[in-house]
């Protein structure tokens, strides 16, 4: 599972780097406010990441981790926050053994 997350992080990171280089941070966000279709995609992303943040909060608390760095990372960088959270999360087997 971790190798899949690393591959996703690398590919998504490369895509994000090119988008930032070509358009800048605001250039990535601005098109989402230009049509209802683009706004719907943005709203869907906000809803999905909000649900993920609720899950991360509960999971972090249940496993003795501080959820705030992951919440802030998600608010600042979008999907990178949850991806890094999953990458650094102990597996269920490790938690039982630990």
PDB file of N, CA and C in Angstrom:
ATOM      1  N   UNK A   1       0.825  -1.203   0.000  1.00  0.00           N
ATOM      2  CA  UNK A   1       0.000   0.000   0.000  1.00  0.00           C
ATOM      3  C   UNK A   1       0.865   1.262   0.000  1.00  0.00           C
ATOM      4  N   UNK A   2       1.943   1.239   0.802  1.00  0.00           N
ATOM      5  CA  UNK A   2       2.811   2.419   0.869  1.00  0.00           C
ATOM      6  C   UNK A   2       3.437   2.732  -0.481  1.00  0.00           C
ATOM      7  N   UNK A   3       3.818   1.701  -1.219  1.00  0.00           N
ATOM      8  CA  UNK A   3       4.432   1.953  -2.529  1.00  0.00           C
ATOM      9  C   UNK A   3       3.435   2.607  -3.481  1.00  0.00           C
ATOM     10  N   UNK A   4       2.172   2.234  -3.395  1.00  0.00           N
ATOM     11  CA  UNK A   4       1.143   2.869  -4.212  1.00  0.00           C
ATOM     12  C   UNK A   4       0.992   4.341  -3.836  1.00  0.00           C
ATOM     13  N   UNK A   5       1.001   4.635  -2.548  1.00  0.00           N
ATOM     14  CA  UNK A   5       0.889   6.018  -2.087  1.00  0.00           C
ATOM     15  C   UNK A   5       2.087   6.830  -2.567  1.00  0.00           C
ATOM     16  N   UNK A   6       3.281   6.246  -2.516  1.00  0.00           N
ATOM     17  CA  UNK A   6       4.481   6.943  -2.993  1.00  0.00           C
ATOM     18  C   UNK A   6       4.363   7.238  -4.488  1.00  0.00           C
ATOM     19  N   UNK A   7       3.911   6.277  -5.263  1.00  0.00           N
ATOM     20  CA  UNK A   7       3.743   6.492  -6.710  1.00  0.00           C
ATOM     21  C   UNK A   7       2.728   7.602  -6.965  1.00  0.00           C
ATOM     22  N   UNK A   8       1.613   7.573  -6.248  1.00  0.00           N
ATOM     23  CA  UNK A   8       0.591   8.618  -6.398  1.00  0.00           C
ATOM     24  C   UNK A   8       1.164   9.982  -6.023  1.00  0.00           C
ATOM     25  N   UNK A   9       1.901  10.032  -4.912  1.00  0.00           N
ATOM     26  CA  UNK A   9       2.515  11.297  -4.494  1.00  0.00           C
ATOM     27  C   UNK A   9       3.479  11.827  -5.542  1.00  0.00           C
ATOM     28  N   UNK A  10       4.293  10.955  -6.112  1.00  0.00           N
ATOM     29  CA  UNK A  10       5.255  11.389  -7.123  1.00  0.00           C
ATOM     30  C   UNK A  10       4.561  11.901  -8.379  1.00  0.00           C
ATOM     31  N   UNK A  11       3.582  11.144  -8.872  1.00  0.00           N
ATOM     32  CA  UNK A  11       2.875  11.560 -10.085  1.00  0.00           C
ATOM     33  C   UNK A  11       2.047  12.826  -9.857  1.00  0.00           C
ATOM     34  N   UNK A  12       1.321  12.861  -8.752  1.00  0.00           N
ATOM     35  CA  UNK A  12       0.504  14.035  -8.446  1.00  0.00           C
ATOM     36  C   UNK A  12       1.392  15.238  -8.143  1.00  0.00           C
ATOM     37  N   UNK A  13       2.517  14.991  -7.484  1.00  0.00           N
ATOM     38  CA  UNK A  13       3.467  16.070  -7.208  1.00  0.00           C
ATOM     39  C   UNK A  13       4.038  16.656  -8.491  1.00  0.00           C
ATOM     40  N   UNK A  14       4.365  15.790  -9.452  1.00  0.00           N
ATOM     41  CA  UNK A  14       4.876  16.278 -10.736  1.00  0.00           C
ATOM     42  C   UNK A  14       3.813  17.088 -11.469  1.00  0.00           C
ATOM     43  N   UNK A  15       2.589  16.583 -11.501  1.00  0.00           N
ATOM     44  CA  UNK A  15       1.490  17.312 -12.139  1.00  0.00           C
ATOM     45  C   UNK A  15       1.279  18.665 -11.461  1.00  0.00           C
ATOM     46  N   UNK A  16       1.293  18.683 -10.141  1.00  0.00           N
ATOM     47  CA  UNK A  16       1.092  19.925  -9.390  1.00  0.00           C
ATOM     48  C   UNK A  16       2.232  20.909  -9.620  1.00  0.00           C
ATOM     49  N   UNK A  17       3.458  20.401  -9.690  1.00  0.00           N
ATOM     50  CA  UNK A  17       4.611  21.273  -9.926  1.00  0.00           C
ATOM     51  C   UNK A  17       4.524  21.941 -11.296  1.00  0.00           C
ATOM     52  N   UNK A  18       4.147  21.176 -12.305  1.00  0.00           N
ATOM     53  CA  UNK A  18       3.997  21.752 -13.654  1.00  0.00           C
ATOM     54  C   UNK A  18       2.871  22.783 -13.666  1.00  0.00           C
ATOM     55  N   UNK A  19       1.759  22.469 -13.021  1.00  0.00           N
ATOM     56  CA  UNK A  19       0.632  23.409 -12.978  1.00  0.00           C
ATOM     57  C   UNK A  19       1.035  24.697 -12.257  1.00  0.00           C
ATOM     58  N   UNK A  20       1.742  24.574 -11.139  1.00  0.00           N
ATOM     59  CA  UNK A  20       2.200  25.767 -10.415  1.00  0.00           C
ATOM     60  C   UNK A  20       3.189  26.571 -11.246  1.00  0.00           C
ATOM     61  N   UNK A  21       4.084  25.885 -11.931  1.00  0.00           N
ATOM     62  CA  UNK A  21       5.079  26.562 -12.749  1.00  0.00           C
ATOM     63  C   UNK A  21       4.414  27.321 -13.899  1.00  0.00           C
ATOM     64  N   UNK A  22       3.425  26.690 -14.538  1.00  0.00           N
ATOM     65  CA  UNK A  22       2.780  27.314 -15.687  1.00  0.00           C
ATOM     66  C   UNK A  22       1.745  28.376 -15.310  1.00  0.00           C
ATOM     67  N   UNK A  23       1.037  28.164 -14.196  1.00  0.00           N
ATOM     68  CA  UNK A  23      -0.110  29.029 -13.901  1.00  0.00           C
ATOM     69  C   UNK A  23      -0.041  29.751 -12.561  1.00  0.00           C
ATOM     70  N   UNK A  24       0.808  29.314 -11.654  1.00  0.00           N
ATOM     71  CA  UNK A  24       0.842  29.898 -10.323  1.00  0.00           C
ATOM     72  C   UNK A  24      -0.312  29.378  -9.473  1.00  0.00           C
ATOM     73  N   UNK A  25      -0.249  29.669  -8.178  1.00  0.00           N
ATOM     74  CA  UNK A  25      -1.250  29.144  -7.252  1.00  0.00           C
ATOM     75  C   UNK A  25      -2.642  29.672  -7.582  1.00  0.00           C
ATOM     76  N   UNK A  26      -2.751  30.982  -7.787  1.00  0.00           N
ATOM     77  CA  UNK A  26      -4.061  31.561  -8.096  1.00  0.00           C
ATOM     78  C   UNK A  26      -4.559  31.094  -9.461  1.00  0.00           C
ATOM     79  N   UNK A  27      -3.637  30.864 -10.393  1.00  0.00           N
ATOM     80  CA  UNK A  27      -4.014  30.390 -11.713  1.00  0.00           C
ATOM     81  C   UNK A  27      -4.645  29.008 -11.687  1.00  0.00           C
ATOM     82  N   UNK A  28      -4.304  28.229 -10.674  1.00  0.00           N
ATOM     83  CA  UNK A  28      -4.918  26.911 -10.515  1.00  0.00           C
ATOM     84  C   UNK A  28      -6.332  27.055  -9.955  1.00  0.00           C
ATOM     85  N   UNK A  29      -6.516  27.995  -9.033  1.00  0.00           N
ATOM     86  CA  UNK A  29      -7.823  28.169  -8.380  1.00  0.00           C
ATOM     87  C   UNK A  29      -8.816  28.996  -9.190  1.00  0.00           C
ATOM     88  N   UNK A  30      -8.346  30.012  -9.867  1.00  0.00           N
ATOM     89  CA  UNK A  30      -9.239  30.971 -10.532  1.00  0.00           C
ATOM     90  C   UNK A  30     -10.242  30.334 -11.494  1.00  0.00           C
ATOM     91  N   UNK A  31      -9.850  29.382 -12.323  1.00  0.00           N
ATOM     92  CA  UNK A  31     -10.835  28.816 -13.265  1.00  0.00           C
ATOM     93  C   UNK A  31     -12.053  28.182 -12.590  1.00  0.00           C
ATOM     94  N   UNK A  32     -11.927  27.798 -11.340  1.00  0.00           N
ATOM     95  CA  UNK A  32     -13.052  27.167 -10.648  1.00  0.00           C
ATOM     96  C   UNK A  32     -14.167  28.147 -10.307  1.00  0.00           C
ATOM     97  N   UNK A  33     -13.906  29.420 -10.492  1.00  0.00           N
ATOM     98  CA  UNK A  33     -14.909  30.443 -10.192  1.00  0.00           C
ATOM     99  C   UNK A  33     -15.460  31.078 -11.462  1.00  0.00           C
ATOM    100  N   UNK A  34     -15.174  30.459 -12.626  1.00  0.00           N
ATOM    101  CA  UNK A  34     -15.579  31.051 -13.900  1.00  0.00           C
ATOM    102  C   UNK A  34     -16.796  30.389 -14.533  1.00  0.00           C
ATOM    103  N   UNK A  35     -17.200  29.240 -14.017  1.00  0.00           N
ATOM    104  CA  UNK A  35     -18.407  28.598 -14.544  1.00  0.00           C
ATOM    105  C   UNK A  35     -19.021  27.710 -13.469  1.00  0.00           C
ATOM    106  N   UNK A  36     -20.280  27.389 -13.640  1.00  0.00           N
ATOM    107  CA  UNK A  36     -20.941  26.505 -12.677  1.00  0.00           C
ATOM    108  C   UNK A  36     -20.348  25.106 -12.720  1.00  0.00           C
ATOM    109  N   UNK A  37     -19.947  24.633 -13.894  1.00  0.00           N
ATOM    110  CA  UNK A  37     -19.343  23.306 -14.005  1.00  0.00           C
ATOM    111  C   UNK A  37     -18.034  23.230 -13.247  1.00  0.00           C
ATOM    112  N   UNK A  38     -17.191  24.231 -13.431  1.00  0.00           N
ATOM    113  CA  UNK A  38     -15.919  24.259 -12.714  1.00  0.00           C
ATOM    114  C   UNK A  38     -16.151  24.453 -11.213  1.00  0.00           C
ATOM    115  N   UNK A  39     -17.150  25.251 -10.870  1.00  0.00           N
ATOM    116  CA  UNK A  39     -17.490  25.454  -9.465  1.00  0.00           C
ATOM    117  C   UNK A  39     -17.972  24.182  -8.807  1.00  0.00           C
ATOM    118  N   UNK A  40     -18.692  23.368  -9.570  1.00  0.00           N
ATOM    119  CA  UNK A  40     -19.171  22.086  -9.040  1.00  0.00           C
ATOM    120  C   UNK A  40     -17.995  21.174  -8.724  1.00  0.00           C
ATOM    121  N   UNK A  41     -16.994  21.137  -9.612  1.00  0.00           N
ATOM    122  CA  UNK A  41     -15.801  20.314  -9.377  1.00  0.00           C
ATOM    123  C   UNK A  41     -15.078  20.799  -8.121  1.00  0.00           C
ATOM    124  N   UNK A  42     -14.954  22.114  -7.972  1.00  0.00           N
ATOM    125  CA  UNK A  42     -14.302  22.682  -6.792  1.00  0.00           C
ATOM    126  C   UNK A  42     -15.086  22.355  -5.521  1.00  0.00           C
ATOM    127  N   UNK A  43     -16.416  22.493  -5.574  1.00  0.00           N
ATOM    128  CA  UNK A  43     -17.250  22.168  -4.414  1.00  0.00           C
ATOM    129  C   UNK A  43     -17.118  20.691  -4.052  1.00  0.00           C
ATOM    130  N   UNK A  44     -17.066  19.823  -5.054  1.00  0.00           N
ATOM    131  CA  UNK A  44     -16.890  18.395  -4.817  1.00  0.00           C
ATOM    132  C   UNK A  44     -15.565  18.127  -4.114  1.00  0.00           C
ATOM    133  N   UNK A  45     -14.504  18.798  -4.547  1.00  0.00           N
ATOM    134  CA  UNK A  45     -13.195  18.645  -3.905  1.00  0.00           C
ATOM    135  C   UNK A  45     -13.236  19.125  -2.451  1.00  0.00           C
ATOM    136  N   UNK A  46     -13.897  20.240  -2.214  1.00  0.00           N
ATOM    137  CA  UNK A  46     -14.006  20.760  -0.840  1.00  0.00           C
ATOM    138  C   UNK A  46     -14.779  19.781   0.041  1.00  0.00           C
ATOM    139  N   UNK A  47     -15.874  19.236  -0.462  1.00  0.00           N
ATOM    140  CA  UNK A  47     -16.667  18.272   0.307  1.00  0.00           C
ATOM    141  C   UNK A  47     -15.843  17.019   0.592  1.00  0.00           C
ATOM    142  N   UNK A  48     -15.188  16.485  -0.432  1.00  0.00           N
ATOM    143  CA  UNK A  48     -14.399  15.263  -0.262  1.00  0.00           C
ATOM    144  C   UNK A  48     -13.262  15.475   0.735  1.00  0.00           C
ATOM    145  N   UNK A  49     -12.540  16.579   0.608  1.00  0.00           N
ATOM    146  CA  UNK A  49     -11.430  16.825   1.531  1.00  0.00           C
ATOM    147  C   UNK A  49     -11.935  17.124   2.947  1.00  0.00           C
ATOM    148  N   UNK A  50     -13.111  17.716   3.066  1.00  0.00           N
ATOM    149  CA  UNK A  50     -13.687  17.932   4.399  1.00  0.00           C
ATOM    150  C   UNK A  50     -13.998  16.600   5.073  1.00  0.00           C
ATOM    151  N   UNK A  51     -14.562  15.671   4.317  1.00  0.00           N
ATOM    152  CA  UNK A  51     -14.829  14.340   4.865  1.00  0.00           C
ATOM    153  C   UNK A  51     -13.530  13.624   5.240  1.00  0.00           C
ATOM    154  N   UNK A  52     -12.511  13.773   4.412  1.00  0.00           N
ATOM    155  CA  UNK A  52     -11.211  13.166   4.713  1.00  0.00           C
ATOM    156  C   UNK A  52     -10.613  13.789   5.970  1.00  0.00           C
ATOM    157  N   UNK A  53     -10.765  15.105   6.144  1.00  0.00           N
ATOM    158  CA  UNK A  53     -10.227  15.748   7.343  1.00  0.00           C
ATOM    159  C   UNK A  53     -10.935  15.262   8.606  1.00  0.00           C
ATOM    160  N   UNK A  54     -12.244  15.028   8.524  1.00  0.00           N
ATOM    161  CA  UNK A  54     -12.971  14.471   9.668  1.00  0.00           C
ATOM    162  C   UNK A  54     -12.424  13.086   9.994  1.00  0.00           C
ATOM    163  N   UNK A  55     -12.229  12.257   8.964  1.00  0.00           N
ATOM    164  CA  UNK A  55     -11.666  10.929   9.185  1.00  0.00           C
ATOM    165  C   UNK A  55     -10.260  11.031   9.767  1.00  0.00           C
ATOM    166  N   UNK A  56      -9.416  11.905   9.204  1.00  0.00           N
ATOM    167  CA  UNK A  56      -8.043  12.045   9.718  1.00  0.00           C
ATOM    168  C   UNK A  56      -8.055  12.482  11.176  1.00  0.00           C
ATOM    169  N   UNK A  57      -8.933  13.425  11.511  1.00  0.00           N
ATOM    170  CA  UNK A  57      -9.028  13.908  12.887  1.00  0.00           C
ATOM    171  C   UNK A  57      -9.324  12.745  13.833  1.00  0.00           C
ATOM    172  N   UNK A  58     -10.355  11.982  13.514  1.00  0.00           N
ATOM    173  CA  UNK A  58     -10.757  10.861  14.368  1.00  0.00           C
ATOM    174  C   UNK A  58      -9.683   9.784  14.412  1.00  0.00           C
ATOM    175  N   UNK A  59      -9.091   9.468  13.269  1.00  0.00           N
ATOM    176  CA  UNK A  59      -8.060   8.438  13.215  1.00  0.00           C
ATOM    177  C   UNK A  59      -6.810   8.874  13.970  1.00  0.00           C
ATOM    178  N   UNK A  60      -6.423  10.118  13.803  1.00  0.00           N
ATOM    179  CA  UNK A  60      -5.241  10.615  14.507  1.00  0.00           C
ATOM    180  C   UNK A  60      -5.457  10.579  16.017  1.00  0.00           C
ATOM    181  N   UNK A  61      -6.604  11.018  16.460  1.00  0.00           N
ATOM    182  CA  UNK A  61      -6.910  10.976  17.900  1.00  0.00           C
ATOM    183  C   UNK A  61      -6.924   9.542  18.423  1.00  0.00           C
ATOM    184  N   UNK A  62      -7.498   8.628  17.655  1.00  0.00           N
ATOM    185  CA  UNK A  62      -7.586   7.222  18.083  1.00  0.00           C
ATOM    186  C   UNK A  62      -6.225   6.551  18.135  1.00  0.00           C
ATOM    187  N   UNK A  63      -5.273   7.030  17.317  1.00  0.00           N
ATOM    188  CA  UNK A  63      -3.947   6.417  17.286  1.00  0.00           C
ATOM    189  C   UNK A  63      -2.899   7.241  18.023  1.00  0.00           C
ATOM    190  N   UNK A  64      -3.348   8.264  18.749  1.00  0.00           N
ATOM    191  CA  UNK A  64      -2.430   9.053  19.568  1.00  0.00           C
ATOM    192  C   UNK A  64      -1.584  10.059  18.802  1.00  0.00           C
ATOM    193  N   UNK A  65      -2.049  10.455  17.627  1.00  0.00           N
ATOM    194  CA  UNK A  65      -1.312  11.436  16.830  1.00  0.00           C
ATOM    195  C   UNK A  65      -1.990  12.794  16.938  1.00  0.00           C
ATOM    196  N   UNK A  66      -1.210  13.837  16.746  1.00  0.00           N
ATOM    197  CA  UNK A  66      -1.747  15.192  16.705  1.00  0.00           C
ATOM    198  C   UNK A  66      -2.352  15.430  15.320  1.00  0.00           C
ATOM    199  N   UNK A  67      -3.645  15.696  15.223  1.00  0.00           N
ATOM    200  CA  UNK A  67      -4.264  15.855  13.895  1.00  0.00           C
ATOM    201  C   UNK A  67      -3.988  17.200  13.233  1.00  0.00           C
ATOM    202  N   UNK A  68      -3.596  18.208  14.012  1.00  0.00           N
ATOM    203  CA  UNK A  68      -3.494  19.561  13.457  1.00  0.00           C
ATOM    204  C   UNK A  68      -2.515  19.714  12.298  1.00  0.00           C
ATOM    205  N   UNK A  69      -1.325  19.112  12.342  1.00  0.00           N
ATOM    206  CA  UNK A  69      -0.434  19.271  11.178  1.00  0.00           C
ATOM    207  C   UNK A  69      -1.060  18.752   9.883  1.00  0.00           C
ATOM    208  N   UNK A  70      -1.828  17.688   9.995  1.00  0.00           N
ATOM    209  CA  UNK A  70      -2.442  17.085   8.818  1.00  0.00           C
ATOM    210  C   UNK A  70      -3.631  17.901   8.326  1.00  0.00           C
ATOM    211  N   UNK A  71      -4.367  18.484   9.238  1.00  0.00           N
ATOM    212  CA  UNK A  71      -5.492  19.350   8.866  1.00  0.00           C
ATOM    213  C   UNK A  71      -4.963  20.601   8.165  1.00  0.00           C
ATOM    214  N   UNK A  72      -3.943  21.225   8.758  1.00  0.00           N
ATOM    215  CA  UNK A  72      -3.353  22.425   8.161  1.00  0.00           C
ATOM    216  C   UNK A  72      -2.748  22.102   6.795  1.00  0.00           C
ATOM    217  N   UNK A  73      -2.055  20.969   6.699  1.00  0.00           N
ATOM    218  CA  UNK A  73      -1.465  20.566   5.418  1.00  0.00           C
ATOM    219  C   UNK A  73      -2.540  20.365   4.359  1.00  0.00           C
ATOM    220  N   UNK A  74      -3.668  19.789   4.747  1.00  0.00           N
ATOM    221  CA  UNK A  74      -4.761  19.579   3.793  1.00  0.00           C
ATOM    222  C   UNK A  74      -5.360  20.910   3.353  1.00  0.00           C
ATOM    223  N   UNK A  75      -5.557  21.820   4.285  1.00  0.00           N
ATOM    224  CA  UNK A  75      -6.100  23.127   3.933  1.00  0.00           C
ATOM    225  C   UNK A  75      -5.154  23.906   3.028  1.00  0.00           C
ATOM    226  N   UNK A  76      -3.845  23.736   3.219  1.00  0.00           N
ATOM    227  CA  UNK A  76      -2.856  24.485   2.440  1.00  0.00           C
ATOM    228  C   UNK A  76      -2.495  23.813   1.114  1.00  0.00           C
ATOM    229  N   UNK A  77      -2.495  22.472   1.101  1.00  0.00           N
ATOM    230  CA  UNK A  77      -1.972  21.776  -0.085  1.00  0.00           C
ATOM    231  C   UNK A  77      -2.953  20.785  -0.695  1.00  0.00           C
ATOM    232  N   UNK A  78      -4.167  20.725  -0.183  1.00  0.00           N
ATOM    233  CA  UNK A  78      -5.160  19.804  -0.736  1.00  0.00           C
ATOM    234  C   UNK A  78      -4.824  18.356  -0.435  1.00  0.00           C
ATOM    235  N   UNK A  79      -4.857  17.537  -1.437  1.00  0.00           N
ATOM    236  CA  UNK A  79      -4.706  16.087  -1.268  1.00  0.00           C
ATOM    237  C   UNK A  79      -3.340  15.653  -0.752  1.00  0.00           C
ATOM    238  N   UNK A  80      -2.358  16.524  -0.810  1.00  0.00           N
ATOM    239  CA  UNK A  80      -1.043  16.152  -0.279  1.00  0.00           C
ATOM    240  C   UNK A  80      -1.104  15.852   1.216  1.00  0.00           C
ATOM    241  N   UNK A  81      -1.925  16.592   1.960  1.00  0.00           N
ATOM    242  CA  UNK A  81      -2.055  16.356   3.398  1.00  0.00           C
ATOM    243  C   UNK A  81      -2.494  14.935   3.714  1.00  0.00           C
ATOM    244  N   UNK A  82      -3.638  14.491   3.180  1.00  0.00           N
ATOM    245  CA  UNK A  82      -4.074  13.121   3.446  1.00  0.00           C
ATOM    246  C   UNK A  82      -3.115  12.062   2.902  1.00  0.00           C
ATOM    247  N   UNK A  83      -2.510  12.317   1.762  1.00  0.00           N
ATOM    248  CA  UNK A  83      -1.568  11.338   1.221  1.00  0.00           C
ATOM    249  C   UNK A  83      -0.365  11.155   2.137  1.00  0.00           C
ATOM    250  N   UNK A  84       0.183  12.264   2.640  1.00  0.00           N
ATOM    251  CA  UNK A  84       1.306  12.148   3.574  1.00  0.00           C
ATOM    252  C   UNK A  84       0.862  11.542   4.910  1.00  0.00           C
ATOM    253  N   UNK A  85      -0.361  11.849   5.323  1.00  0.00           N
ATOM    254  CA  UNK A  85      -0.890  11.223   6.540  1.00  0.00           C
ATOM    255  C   UNK A  85      -0.912   9.706   6.375  1.00  0.00           C
ATOM    256  N   UNK A  86      -1.452   9.241   5.270  1.00  0.00           N
ATOM    257  CA  UNK A  86      -1.518   7.796   5.023  1.00  0.00           C
ATOM    258  C   UNK A  86      -0.126   7.187   4.910  1.00  0.00           C
ATOM    259  N   UNK A  87       0.801   7.919   4.318  1.00  0.00           N
ATOM    260  CA  UNK A  87       2.163   7.418   4.160  1.00  0.00           C
ATOM    261  C   UNK A  87       2.857   7.239   5.503  1.00  0.00           C
ATOM    262  N   UNK A  88       2.544   8.112   6.457  1.00  0.00           N
ATOM    263  CA  UNK A  88       3.209   8.058   7.764  1.00  0.00           C
ATOM    264  C   UNK A  88       2.394   7.317   8.819  1.00  0.00           C
ATOM    265  N   UNK A  89       1.216   6.842   8.453  1.00  0.00           N
ATOM    266  CA  UNK A  89       0.343   6.136   9.399  1.00  0.00           C
ATOM    267  C   UNK A  89       0.843   4.712   9.602  1.00  0.00           C
ATOM    268  N   UNK A  90       0.849   4.269  10.847  1.00  0.00           N
ATOM    269  CA  UNK A  90       1.214   2.890  11.144  1.00  0.00           C
ATOM    270  C   UNK A  90       0.106   1.957  10.675  1.00  0.00           C
ATOM    271  N   UNK A  91       0.499   0.796  10.216  1.00  0.00           N
ATOM    272  CA  UNK A  91      -0.502  -0.188   9.792  1.00  0.00           C
ATOM    273  C   UNK A  91      -1.225  -0.744  11.019  1.00  0.00           C
ATOM    274  N   UNK A  92      -2.364  -1.356  10.804  1.00  0.00           N
ATOM    275  CA  UNK A  92      -3.156  -1.933  11.894  1.00  0.00           C
ATOM    276  C   UNK A  92      -2.351  -2.987  12.635  1.00  0.00           C
ATOM    277  N   UNK A  93      -1.557  -3.784  11.913  1.00  0.00           N
ATOM    278  CA  UNK A  93      -0.732  -4.816  12.543  1.00  0.00           C
ATOM    279  C   UNK A  93       0.325  -4.188  13.460  1.00  0.00           C
ATOM    280  N   UNK A  94       0.934  -3.088  12.991  1.00  0.00           N
ATOM    281  CA  UNK A  94       1.963  -2.411  13.781  1.00  0.00           C
ATOM    282  C   UNK A  94       1.359  -1.783  15.030  1.00  0.00           C
ATOM    283  N   UNK A  95       0.132  -1.255  14.912  1.00  0.00           N
ATOM    284  CA  UNK A  95      -0.538  -0.649  16.063  1.00  0.00           C
ATOM    285  C   UNK A  95      -0.855  -1.694  17.122  1.00  0.00           C
ATOM    286  N   UNK A  96      -1.282  -2.892  16.694  1.00  0.00           N
ATOM    287  CA  UNK A  96      -1.604  -3.962  17.640  1.00  0.00           C
ATOM    288  C   UNK A  96      -0.337  -4.451  18.338  1.00  0.00           C
ATOM    289  N   UNK A  97       0.770  -4.523  17.598  1.00  0.00           N
ATOM    290  CA  UNK A  97       2.021  -5.016  18.152  1.00  0.00           C
ATOM    291  C   UNK A  97       2.687  -3.970  19.029  1.00  0.00           C
ATOM    292  N   UNK A  98       2.445  -2.664  18.716  1.00  0.00           N
ATOM    293  CA  UNK A  98       3.125  -1.571  19.397  1.00  0.00           C
ATOM    294  C   UNK A  98       2.611  -1.307  20.750  1.00  0.00           C
TER     295      UNK A  98
END
